[in-house]
């Protein structure tokens, strides 16, 4: 995302991933960290300098492929957390689940999922998303 003041941002990023799969069970998680320094595109007295998108985030997901069935169930939770006043990020959260049916292994499947997205602590003021997707690969 290009800052509204036309400047640039120098960032430091770090990610850590965890993946575990065994006998139909899959557990996955990722942690993200970013800190940036802004280089304004114009004189800050003319146009305010937009803050960098500093913060942390993570998600955790678990799924289970039912034994002897082409059906998988999964659940996921994730958050983005602003680092405070020195960041233009807002706090966001998501929670949801999915159901997948495999016609021909992973190459051909249909997946339906539901997610709830919200800002800060106001889960009741969030929004819902329902999605159905078909995947065909060769």
C-alpha atoms as a PDB file:
ATOM      1  CA  UNK A   1       0.000   0.000   0.000  1.00  0.00           C
ATOM      2  CA  UNK A   2       1.430   3.373  -1.017  1.00  0.00           C
ATOM      3  CA  UNK A   3       1.120   5.895   1.838  1.00  0.00           C
ATOM      4  CA  UNK A   4      -1.283   8.793   1.222  1.00  0.00           C
ATOM      5  CA  UNK A   5       1.564  11.316   1.528  1.00  0.00           C
ATOM      6  CA  UNK A   6       3.381   9.682  -1.418  1.00  0.00           C
ATOM      7  CA  UNK A   7       6.426   8.667   0.630  1.00  0.00           C
ATOM      8  CA  UNK A   8       7.998   5.294   1.286  1.00  0.00           C
ATOM      9  CA  UNK A   9       8.358   2.963   4.272  1.00  0.00           C
ATOM     10  CA  UNK A  10      11.404   0.936   5.293  1.00  0.00           C
ATOM     11  CA  UNK A  11      10.261  -2.191   7.156  1.00  0.00           C
ATOM     12  CA  UNK A  12      11.649  -4.993   9.266  1.00  0.00           C
ATOM     13  CA  UNK A  13       9.567  -8.173   9.074  1.00  0.00           C
ATOM     14  CA  UNK A  14       9.685 -11.502  10.885  1.00  0.00           C
ATOM     15  CA  UNK A  15       7.474 -14.576  10.435  1.00  0.00           C
ATOM     16  CA  UNK A  16       7.383 -17.907  12.249  1.00  0.00           C
ATOM     17  CA  UNK A  17       5.383 -20.912  10.986  1.00  0.00           C
ATOM     18  CA  UNK A  18       4.294 -24.184  12.549  1.00  0.00           C
ATOM     19  CA  UNK A  19       2.780 -27.067  10.591  1.00  0.00           C
ATOM     20  CA  UNK A  20       1.885 -30.491  11.965  1.00  0.00           C
ATOM     21  CA  UNK A  21       0.084 -33.223  10.016  1.00  0.00           C
ATOM     22  CA  UNK A  22      -0.618 -36.741  11.155  1.00  0.00           C
ATOM     23  CA  UNK A  23      -3.249 -39.311  10.216  1.00  0.00           C
ATOM     24  CA  UNK A  24      -5.890 -36.852   8.982  1.00  0.00           C
ATOM     25  CA  UNK A  25      -5.180 -34.162  11.596  1.00  0.00           C
ATOM     26  CA  UNK A  26      -3.610 -30.894  10.504  1.00  0.00           C
ATOM     27  CA  UNK A  27      -2.551 -28.064  12.824  1.00  0.00           C
ATOM     28  CA  UNK A  28      -1.068 -24.877  11.452  1.00  0.00           C
ATOM     29  CA  UNK A  29      -0.080 -21.538  12.921  1.00  0.00           C
ATOM     30  CA  UNK A  30       1.834 -18.427  11.906  1.00  0.00           C
ATOM     31  CA  UNK A  31       3.106 -15.387  13.791  1.00  0.00           C
ATOM     32  CA  UNK A  32       3.883 -12.099  11.995  1.00  0.00           C
ATOM     33  CA  UNK A  33       5.766  -8.998  13.211  1.00  0.00           C
ATOM     34  CA  UNK A  34       6.433  -5.788  11.313  1.00  0.00           C
ATOM     35  CA  UNK A  35       8.004  -2.455  12.252  1.00  0.00           C
ATOM     36  CA  UNK A  36       8.541   0.356   9.801  1.00  0.00           C
ATOM     37  CA  UNK A  37      10.094   3.801   9.520  1.00  0.00           C
ATOM     38  CA  UNK A  38       8.364   6.376   7.321  1.00  0.00           C
ATOM     39  CA  UNK A  39      10.082   8.570   4.758  1.00  0.00           C
ATOM     40  CA  UNK A  40       7.499  11.291   3.966  1.00  0.00           C
ATOM     41  CA  UNK A  41       6.885  12.185   0.342  1.00  0.00           C
ATOM     42  CA  UNK A  42       6.153  15.855   1.115  1.00  0.00           C
ATOM     43  CA  UNK A  43       6.947  18.348   3.863  1.00  0.00           C
ATOM     44  CA  UNK A  44       4.987  17.211   6.990  1.00  0.00           C
ATOM     45  CA  UNK A  45       3.838  20.821   7.539  1.00  0.00           C
ATOM     46  CA  UNK A  46       2.022  20.679   4.163  1.00  0.00           C
ATOM     47  CA  UNK A  47       0.504  17.170   4.420  1.00  0.00           C
ATOM     48  CA  UNK A  48       0.466  15.017   7.574  1.00  0.00           C
ATOM     49  CA  UNK A  49       2.760  11.993   7.435  1.00  0.00           C
ATOM     50  CA  UNK A  50       0.868   8.699   7.500  1.00  0.00           C
ATOM     51  CA  UNK A  51       2.157   6.357  10.198  1.00  0.00           C
ATOM     52  CA  UNK A  52       3.735   3.016   9.176  1.00  0.00           C
ATOM     53  CA  UNK A  53       1.710  -0.188   9.514  1.00  0.00           C
ATOM     54  CA  UNK A  54       3.494  -1.474  12.641  1.00  0.00           C
ATOM     55  CA  UNK A  55       2.129  -4.420  14.559  1.00  0.00           C
ATOM     56  CA  UNK A  56       1.900  -8.130  15.147  1.00  0.00           C
ATOM     57  CA  UNK A  57      -0.481 -10.815  14.001  1.00  0.00           C
ATOM     58  CA  UNK A  58      -1.084 -14.513  14.140  1.00  0.00           C
ATOM     59  CA  UNK A  59      -3.464 -17.247  13.122  1.00  0.00           C
ATOM     60  CA  UNK A  60      -4.073 -20.788  14.291  1.00  0.00           C
ATOM     61  CA  UNK A  61      -5.944 -23.398  12.247  1.00  0.00           C
ATOM     62  CA  UNK A  62      -6.868 -27.011  12.859  1.00  0.00           C
ATOM     63  CA  UNK A  63      -8.444 -29.461  10.445  1.00  0.00           C
ATOM     64  CA  UNK A  64      -9.457 -33.089  10.404  1.00  0.00           C
ATOM     65  CA  UNK A  65      -9.964 -35.336   7.375  1.00  0.00           C
ATOM     66  CA  UNK A  66     -12.569 -37.912   8.378  1.00  0.00           C
ATOM     67  CA  UNK A  67     -11.319 -41.524   8.172  1.00  0.00           C
ATOM     68  CA  UNK A  68     -12.335 -43.325   4.960  1.00  0.00           C
ATOM     69  CA  UNK A  69     -14.400 -40.276   3.896  1.00  0.00           C
ATOM     70  CA  UNK A  70     -13.575 -37.479   1.422  1.00  0.00           C
ATOM     71  CA  UNK A  71     -14.686 -34.842   3.967  1.00  0.00           C
ATOM     72  CA  UNK A  72     -12.554 -32.398   5.957  1.00  0.00           C
ATOM     73  CA  UNK A  73     -13.629 -30.067   8.784  1.00  0.00           C
ATOM     74  CA  UNK A  74     -11.492 -27.091   9.847  1.00  0.00           C
ATOM     75  CA  UNK A  75     -11.556 -24.114  12.239  1.00  0.00           C
ATOM     76  CA  UNK A  76      -9.437 -20.957  12.255  1.00  0.00           C
ATOM     77  CA  UNK A  77      -8.817 -17.929  14.494  1.00  0.00           C
ATOM     78  CA  UNK A  78      -6.567 -14.961  13.767  1.00  0.00           C
ATOM     79  CA  UNK A  79      -5.727 -11.452  14.958  1.00  0.00           C
ATOM     80  CA  UNK A  80      -3.873  -8.343  13.809  1.00  0.00           C
ATOM     81  CA  UNK A  81      -2.727  -6.087  16.657  1.00  0.00           C
ATOM     82  CA  UNK A  82      -1.506  -2.541  16.153  1.00  0.00           C
ATOM     83  CA  UNK A  83       1.646  -1.503  17.981  1.00  0.00           C
ATOM     84  CA  UNK A  84      -0.123   1.650  19.230  1.00  0.00           C
ATOM     85  CA  UNK A  85       0.107   5.340  18.342  1.00  0.00           C
ATOM     86  CA  UNK A  86       3.059   4.798  15.968  1.00  0.00           C
ATOM     87  CA  UNK A  87       0.968   2.612  13.641  1.00  0.00           C
ATOM     88  CA  UNK A  88      -1.770   3.111  11.041  1.00  0.00           C
ATOM     89  CA  UNK A  89      -2.982  -0.490  11.560  1.00  0.00           C
ATOM     90  CA  UNK A  90      -6.218  -1.168  13.374  1.00  0.00           C
ATOM     91  CA  UNK A  91      -6.868  -4.166  15.610  1.00  0.00           C
ATOM     92  CA  UNK A  92      -8.764  -6.850  13.669  1.00  0.00           C
ATOM     93  CA  UNK A  93      -9.880 -10.403  14.434  1.00  0.00           C
ATOM     94  CA  UNK A  94     -11.394 -13.314  12.512  1.00  0.00           C
ATOM     95  CA  UNK A  95     -12.905 -16.649  13.489  1.00  0.00           C
ATOM     96  CA  UNK A  96     -14.479 -19.278  11.301  1.00  0.00           C
ATOM     97  CA  UNK A  97     -14.777 -22.789  10.045  1.00  0.00           C
ATOM     98  CA  UNK A  98     -14.900 -24.731   6.802  1.00  0.00           C
ATOM     99  CA  UNK A  99     -16.190 -27.933   5.286  1.00  0.00           C
ATOM    100  CA  UNK A 100     -14.463 -29.502   2.265  1.00  0.00           C
ATOM    101  CA  UNK A 101     -15.527 -32.400   0.042  1.00  0.00           C
ATOM    102  CA  UNK A 102     -12.836 -34.051  -2.110  1.00  0.00           C
ATOM    103  CA  UNK A 103     -14.079 -35.536  -5.396  1.00  0.00           C
ATOM    104  CA  UNK A 104     -10.604 -36.543  -6.598  1.00  0.00           C
ATOM    105  CA  UNK A 105      -8.163 -35.919  -3.759  1.00  0.00           C
ATOM    106  CA  UNK A 106      -6.864 -32.341  -3.504  1.00  0.00           C
ATOM    107  CA  UNK A 107      -7.013 -31.794  -7.280  1.00  0.00           C
ATOM    108  CA  UNK A 108     -10.810 -31.520  -7.335  1.00  0.00           C
ATOM    109  CA  UNK A 109     -12.731 -30.322  -4.310  1.00  0.00           C
ATOM    110  CA  UNK A 110     -15.549 -28.059  -3.200  1.00  0.00           C
ATOM    111  CA  UNK A 111     -15.137 -26.006  -0.044  1.00  0.00           C
ATOM    112  CA  UNK A 112     -17.590 -23.915   1.968  1.00  0.00           C
ATOM    113  CA  UNK A 113     -16.557 -21.639   4.789  1.00  0.00           C
ATOM    114  CA  UNK A 114     -18.012 -19.111   7.193  1.00  0.00           C
ATOM    115  CA  UNK A 115     -16.016 -16.327   8.874  1.00  0.00           C
ATOM    116  CA  UNK A 116     -16.788 -13.555  11.343  1.00  0.00           C
ATOM    117  CA  UNK A 117     -14.578 -10.429  11.094  1.00  0.00           C
ATOM    118  CA  UNK A 118     -14.460  -7.638  13.689  1.00  0.00           C
ATOM    119  CA  UNK A 119     -12.388  -4.643  14.829  1.00  0.00           C
ATOM    120  CA  UNK A 120     -11.084  -4.314  18.380  1.00  0.00           C
ATOM    121  CA  UNK A 121     -13.197  -6.098  20.986  1.00  0.00           C
ATOM    122  CA  UNK A 122     -16.574  -5.479  19.288  1.00  0.00           C
ATOM    123  CA  UNK A 123     -17.373  -8.947  17.894  1.00  0.00           C
ATOM    124  CA  UNK A 124     -21.088  -8.079  17.842  1.00  0.00           C
ATOM    125  CA  UNK A 125     -20.382  -5.130  15.483  1.00  0.00           C
ATOM    126  CA  UNK A 126     -18.454  -7.293  13.019  1.00  0.00           C
ATOM    127  CA  UNK A 127     -19.379  -8.666   9.632  1.00  0.00           C
ATOM    128  CA  UNK A 128     -19.981 -12.181   8.310  1.00  0.00           C
ATOM    129  CA  UNK A 129     -18.685 -13.839   5.163  1.00  0.00           C
ATOM    130  CA  UNK A 130     -19.894 -17.066   3.570  1.00  0.00           C
ATOM    131  CA  UNK A 131     -17.924 -18.460   0.654  1.00  0.00           C
ATOM    132  CA  UNK A 132     -18.218 -21.527  -1.593  1.00  0.00           C
ATOM    133  CA  UNK A 133     -15.336 -22.426  -3.867  1.00  0.00           C
ATOM    134  CA  UNK A 134     -14.668 -25.229  -6.335  1.00  0.00           C
ATOM    135  CA  UNK A 135     -11.094 -26.170  -7.156  1.00  0.00           C
ATOM    136  CA  UNK A 136     -10.031 -28.141 -10.196  1.00  0.00           C
ATOM    137  CA  UNK A 137      -6.356 -28.725 -10.924  1.00  0.00           C
ATOM    138  CA  UNK A 138      -4.415 -31.087 -13.120  1.00  0.00           C
END
